[in-house]
């Protein structure tokens, strides 16, 4: 492989994938080490996320998050989004990324 393939996280491929996951449980790890688990209610082109029925994985470190049951997460503060592998169609994602890299190359 000659060079690295770079793809922006706000590309239509990822926005489309996350839009299909609305109603599913996801875990979002933020850049400040806060990890929130909740039901995805919405996503926009900047990968801002709306979560409901939220909980944190480390209640001893973030006790105030125990009372937060819905939140808006700005896409720029997300480090990782953990998904259940069963909810993502990997073959469809592979095809979409191949097409996108062909177009951009």
N, C-alpha and C. Protein backbone atom coordinates (compact mmCIF):
# COMPACT_ATOMS: atom_id res chain seq x y z
N UNK A 1 0.84 -1.17 0.00
CA UNK A 1 0.00 0.00 0.00
C UNK A 1 0.89 1.23 0.00
N UNK A 2 0.66 2.14 -0.94
CA UNK A 2 1.53 3.29 -1.11
C UNK A 2 1.35 4.34 -0.03
N UNK A 3 0.11 4.63 0.34
CA UNK A 3 -0.14 5.68 1.32
C UNK A 3 -1.31 5.32 2.20
N UNK A 4 -1.47 6.09 3.23
CA UNK A 4 -2.58 5.86 4.14
C UNK A 4 -3.86 6.41 3.54
N UNK A 5 -4.94 5.75 3.80
CA UNK A 5 -6.25 6.23 3.37
C UNK A 5 -6.86 6.97 4.53
N UNK A 6 -7.19 8.23 4.32
CA UNK A 6 -7.81 9.03 5.36
C UNK A 6 -9.26 9.27 4.99
N UNK A 7 -10.13 9.10 5.94
CA UNK A 7 -11.54 9.33 5.71
C UNK A 7 -12.08 10.12 6.90
N UNK A 8 -12.70 11.23 6.63
CA UNK A 8 -13.25 12.06 7.70
C UNK A 8 -14.38 11.32 8.39
N UNK A 9 -14.43 11.42 9.71
CA UNK A 9 -15.49 10.76 10.46
C UNK A 9 -16.85 11.36 10.16
N UNK A 10 -16.89 12.59 9.66
CA UNK A 10 -18.19 13.17 9.34
C UNK A 10 -18.57 12.92 7.89
N UNK A 11 -17.92 11.93 7.25
CA UNK A 11 -18.29 11.59 5.89
C UNK A 11 -19.69 10.97 5.90
N UNK A 12 -20.38 11.06 4.78
CA UNK A 12 -21.75 10.52 4.71
C UNK A 12 -21.84 9.03 5.06
N UNK A 13 -20.75 8.30 4.89
CA UNK A 13 -20.76 6.87 5.21
C UNK A 13 -21.02 6.65 6.69
N UNK A 14 -20.30 7.38 7.54
CA UNK A 14 -20.44 7.20 8.98
C UNK A 14 -21.76 7.79 9.49
N UNK A 15 -22.16 8.92 8.94
CA UNK A 15 -23.44 9.51 9.33
C UNK A 15 -24.57 8.54 9.01
N UNK A 16 -24.50 7.93 7.83
CA UNK A 16 -25.51 6.96 7.43
C UNK A 16 -25.51 5.74 8.36
N UNK A 17 -24.33 5.25 8.70
CA UNK A 17 -24.23 4.08 9.57
C UNK A 17 -24.83 4.38 10.94
N UNK A 18 -24.48 5.54 11.52
CA UNK A 18 -25.00 5.87 12.84
C UNK A 18 -26.50 6.15 12.79
N UNK A 19 -26.99 6.67 11.68
CA UNK A 19 -28.43 6.90 11.53
C UNK A 19 -29.20 5.58 11.57
N UNK A 20 -28.59 4.53 11.06
CA UNK A 20 -29.23 3.22 11.09
C UNK A 20 -29.21 2.60 12.48
N UNK A 21 -28.37 3.13 13.37
CA UNK A 21 -28.26 2.59 14.72
C UNK A 21 -29.17 3.29 15.72
N UNK A 22 -30.02 4.20 15.26
CA UNK A 22 -30.93 4.90 16.16
C UNK A 22 -31.84 3.87 16.83
N UNK A 23 -31.94 3.97 18.14
CA UNK A 23 -32.71 3.02 18.93
C UNK A 23 -31.86 1.92 19.53
N UNK A 24 -30.59 1.85 19.16
CA UNK A 24 -29.68 0.83 19.68
C UNK A 24 -28.86 1.41 20.84
N UNK A 25 -28.38 0.53 21.71
CA UNK A 25 -27.52 0.96 22.81
C UNK A 25 -26.09 1.09 22.31
N UNK A 26 -25.45 2.22 22.62
CA UNK A 26 -24.06 2.45 22.28
C UNK A 26 -23.32 2.95 23.51
N UNK A 27 -22.01 2.86 23.48
CA UNK A 27 -21.16 3.38 24.54
C UNK A 27 -20.24 4.42 23.92
N UNK A 28 -20.24 5.62 24.48
CA UNK A 28 -19.45 6.72 23.97
C UNK A 28 -18.37 7.06 24.99
N UNK A 29 -17.12 7.02 24.54
CA UNK A 29 -15.99 7.40 25.40
C UNK A 29 -15.55 8.79 24.98
N UNK A 30 -15.57 9.71 25.93
CA UNK A 30 -15.22 11.10 25.63
C UNK A 30 -13.73 11.34 25.86
N UNK A 31 -13.23 12.44 25.34
CA UNK A 31 -11.81 12.77 25.46
C UNK A 31 -11.40 13.05 26.90
N UNK A 32 -12.35 13.38 27.78
CA UNK A 32 -12.03 13.61 29.20
C UNK A 32 -12.16 12.33 30.02
N UNK A 33 -12.20 11.18 29.37
CA UNK A 33 -12.26 9.84 29.98
C UNK A 33 -13.61 9.46 30.55
N UNK A 34 -14.62 10.30 30.38
CA UNK A 34 -15.98 9.94 30.79
C UNK A 34 -16.55 8.98 29.76
N UNK A 35 -17.13 7.88 30.23
CA UNK A 35 -17.74 6.89 29.34
C UNK A 35 -19.22 6.82 29.65
N UNK A 36 -20.04 7.06 28.62
CA UNK A 36 -21.49 7.09 28.77
C UNK A 36 -22.11 6.00 27.91
N UNK A 37 -23.02 5.25 28.51
CA UNK A 37 -23.78 4.24 27.76
C UNK A 37 -25.22 4.71 27.70
N UNK A 38 -25.82 4.58 26.52
CA UNK A 38 -27.20 5.01 26.38
C UNK A 38 -27.79 4.58 25.05
N UNK A 39 -29.07 4.90 24.87
CA UNK A 39 -29.78 4.59 23.64
C UNK A 39 -29.62 5.77 22.69
N UNK A 40 -29.14 5.49 21.49
CA UNK A 40 -28.94 6.54 20.49
C UNK A 40 -30.30 7.01 19.97
N UNK A 41 -30.57 8.31 20.13
CA UNK A 41 -31.84 8.88 19.67
C UNK A 41 -31.68 9.74 18.43
N UNK A 42 -30.48 10.24 18.19
CA UNK A 42 -30.28 11.07 17.02
C UNK A 42 -28.81 11.32 16.75
N UNK A 43 -28.52 11.62 15.50
CA UNK A 43 -27.16 11.94 15.06
C UNK A 43 -27.27 12.94 13.91
N UNK A 44 -26.32 13.86 13.82
CA UNK A 44 -26.34 14.81 12.71
C UNK A 44 -25.04 14.72 11.91
N UNK A 45 -24.87 15.62 10.94
CA UNK A 45 -23.72 15.55 10.03
C UNK A 45 -22.40 15.82 10.73
N UNK A 46 -22.42 16.38 11.93
CA UNK A 46 -21.19 16.61 12.69
C UNK A 46 -20.94 15.49 13.70
N UNK A 47 -21.72 14.44 13.63
CA UNK A 47 -21.69 13.30 14.55
C UNK A 47 -21.95 13.72 15.99
N UNK A 48 -22.77 14.77 16.16
CA UNK A 48 -23.29 15.09 17.48
C UNK A 48 -24.32 14.02 17.80
N UNK A 49 -24.33 13.53 19.02
CA UNK A 49 -25.18 12.42 19.40
C UNK A 49 -26.18 12.84 20.47
N UNK A 50 -27.40 12.36 20.36
CA UNK A 50 -28.41 12.53 21.41
C UNK A 50 -28.64 11.15 22.01
N UNK A 51 -28.42 11.03 23.31
CA UNK A 51 -28.57 9.76 24.01
C UNK A 51 -29.65 9.88 25.09
N UNK A 52 -30.42 8.83 25.26
CA UNK A 52 -31.39 8.76 26.34
C UNK A 52 -31.11 7.50 27.16
N UNK A 53 -31.73 7.45 28.33
CA UNK A 53 -31.57 6.30 29.21
C UNK A 53 -30.08 6.06 29.51
N UNK A 54 -29.37 7.14 29.84
CA UNK A 54 -27.92 7.08 29.97
C UNK A 54 -27.47 6.61 31.35
N UNK A 55 -26.27 6.08 31.36
CA UNK A 55 -25.58 5.72 32.60
C UNK A 55 -24.09 5.83 32.32
N UNK A 56 -23.32 5.98 33.38
CA UNK A 56 -21.87 6.03 33.23
C UNK A 56 -21.27 4.74 33.75
N UNK A 57 -20.14 4.37 33.21
CA UNK A 57 -19.52 3.12 33.64
C UNK A 57 -18.70 3.29 34.91
N UNK A 58 -18.35 4.52 35.26
CA UNK A 58 -17.54 4.78 36.45
C UNK A 58 -18.27 5.76 37.36
N UNK A 59 -19.27 5.27 38.10
CA UNK A 59 -20.07 6.15 38.95
C UNK A 59 -19.28 6.71 40.13
N UNK A 60 -18.22 6.01 40.56
CA UNK A 60 -17.43 6.54 41.68
C UNK A 60 -16.64 7.79 41.26
N UNK A 61 -16.21 7.83 40.03
CA UNK A 61 -15.45 8.98 39.54
C UNK A 61 -16.36 10.12 39.08
N UNK A 62 -17.53 9.78 38.57
CA UNK A 62 -18.49 10.78 38.07
C UNK A 62 -19.84 10.58 38.73
N UNK A 63 -19.97 10.83 40.04
CA UNK A 63 -21.23 10.55 40.74
C UNK A 63 -22.40 11.41 40.25
N UNK A 64 -22.12 12.61 39.77
CA UNK A 64 -23.19 13.50 39.28
C UNK A 64 -23.87 12.95 38.03
N UNK A 65 -23.18 12.07 37.28
CA UNK A 65 -23.77 11.52 36.05
C UNK A 65 -24.84 10.47 36.35
N UNK A 66 -24.93 10.03 37.59
CA UNK A 66 -25.95 9.06 37.97
C UNK A 66 -27.36 9.62 37.77
N UNK A 67 -27.49 10.94 37.87
CA UNK A 67 -28.80 11.59 37.77
C UNK A 67 -29.12 12.07 36.37
N UNK A 68 -28.18 11.98 35.46
CA UNK A 68 -28.40 12.42 34.08
C UNK A 68 -28.99 11.25 33.29
N UNK A 69 -30.18 11.42 32.75
CA UNK A 69 -30.83 10.33 32.03
C UNK A 69 -30.92 10.55 30.52
N UNK A 70 -30.62 11.77 30.07
CA UNK A 70 -30.50 12.02 28.64
C UNK A 70 -29.48 13.12 28.44
N UNK A 71 -28.76 13.08 27.31
CA UNK A 71 -27.73 14.08 27.08
C UNK A 71 -27.47 14.25 25.60
N UNK A 72 -26.83 15.36 25.29
CA UNK A 72 -26.37 15.69 23.95
C UNK A 72 -24.85 15.66 24.01
N UNK A 73 -24.22 14.90 23.13
CA UNK A 73 -22.77 14.79 23.11
C UNK A 73 -22.26 15.42 21.82
N UNK A 74 -21.46 16.43 21.96
CA UNK A 74 -20.89 17.10 20.79
C UNK A 74 -19.87 16.17 20.15
N UNK A 75 -19.94 16.05 18.84
CA UNK A 75 -19.07 15.12 18.11
C UNK A 75 -17.59 15.38 18.28
N UNK A 76 -17.21 16.64 18.52
CA UNK A 76 -15.79 16.97 18.63
C UNK A 76 -15.16 16.51 19.95
N UNK A 77 -15.96 16.09 20.92
CA UNK A 77 -15.41 15.63 22.21
C UNK A 77 -15.39 14.11 22.32
N UNK A 78 -15.81 13.42 21.27
CA UNK A 78 -15.86 11.95 21.29
C UNK A 78 -14.50 11.38 20.94
N UNK A 79 -14.02 10.47 21.79
CA UNK A 79 -12.79 9.75 21.49
C UNK A 79 -13.12 8.45 20.75
N UNK A 80 -14.02 7.65 21.31
CA UNK A 80 -14.41 6.37 20.71
C UNK A 80 -15.91 6.18 20.86
N UNK A 81 -16.46 5.43 19.93
CA UNK A 81 -17.84 4.97 20.06
C UNK A 81 -17.79 3.46 19.95
N UNK A 82 -18.21 2.80 21.01
CA UNK A 82 -18.19 1.34 21.05
C UNK A 82 -19.56 0.84 20.62
N UNK A 83 -19.57 -0.07 19.65
CA UNK A 83 -20.81 -0.61 19.11
C UNK A 83 -20.85 -2.12 19.30
N UNK A 84 -22.04 -2.64 19.38
CA UNK A 84 -22.22 -4.09 19.38
C UNK A 84 -21.97 -4.57 17.95
N UNK A 85 -21.05 -5.50 17.74
CA UNK A 85 -20.73 -5.95 16.38
C UNK A 85 -21.95 -6.51 15.62
N UNK A 86 -22.93 -6.99 16.35
CA UNK A 86 -24.12 -7.55 15.69
C UNK A 86 -24.98 -6.46 15.04
N UNK A 87 -24.83 -5.21 15.48
CA UNK A 87 -25.69 -4.14 14.96
C UNK A 87 -25.13 -3.48 13.71
N UNK A 88 -23.88 -3.76 13.36
CA UNK A 88 -23.25 -3.11 12.21
C UNK A 88 -23.10 -4.11 11.07
N UNK A 89 -23.55 -3.72 9.89
CA UNK A 89 -23.40 -4.54 8.69
C UNK A 89 -22.01 -4.26 8.11
N UNK A 90 -21.03 -5.11 8.48
CA UNK A 90 -19.65 -4.87 8.08
C UNK A 90 -19.45 -4.95 6.57
N UNK A 91 -20.13 -5.87 5.91
CA UNK A 91 -19.99 -5.99 4.46
C UNK A 91 -20.44 -4.71 3.77
N UNK A 92 -21.52 -4.13 4.23
CA UNK A 92 -22.03 -2.89 3.66
C UNK A 92 -21.05 -1.74 3.91
N UNK A 93 -20.46 -1.69 5.11
CA UNK A 93 -19.47 -0.65 5.42
C UNK A 93 -18.22 -0.80 4.57
N UNK A 94 -17.76 -2.03 4.38
CA UNK A 94 -16.58 -2.26 3.55
C UNK A 94 -16.83 -1.80 2.12
N UNK A 95 -17.98 -2.14 1.56
CA UNK A 95 -18.31 -1.71 0.20
C UNK A 95 -18.38 -0.19 0.10
N UNK A 96 -19.00 0.45 1.08
CA UNK A 96 -19.14 1.91 1.06
C UNK A 96 -17.78 2.59 1.16
N UNK A 97 -16.89 2.08 2.01
CA UNK A 97 -15.57 2.70 2.14
C UNK A 97 -14.72 2.46 0.89
N UNK A 98 -14.87 1.30 0.26
CA UNK A 98 -14.15 1.06 -1.00
C UNK A 98 -14.59 2.05 -2.07
N UNK A 99 -15.91 2.24 -2.19
CA UNK A 99 -16.43 3.19 -3.17
C UNK A 99 -15.94 4.60 -2.88
N UNK A 100 -15.95 4.99 -1.61
CA UNK A 100 -15.54 6.35 -1.23
C UNK A 100 -14.05 6.57 -1.51
N UNK A 101 -13.23 5.57 -1.27
CA UNK A 101 -11.79 5.73 -1.51
C UNK A 101 -11.50 5.76 -3.00
N UNK A 102 -12.27 5.03 -3.80
CA UNK A 102 -12.09 5.08 -5.26
C UNK A 102 -12.44 6.46 -5.80
N UNK A 103 -13.50 7.03 -5.28
CA UNK A 103 -13.95 8.34 -5.74
C UNK A 103 -12.94 9.41 -5.35
N UNK A 104 -12.39 9.33 -4.13
CA UNK A 104 -11.49 10.38 -3.65
C UNK A 104 -10.07 10.22 -4.19
N UNK A 105 -9.74 9.05 -4.70
CA UNK A 105 -8.36 8.82 -5.19
C UNK A 105 -8.13 9.38 -6.57
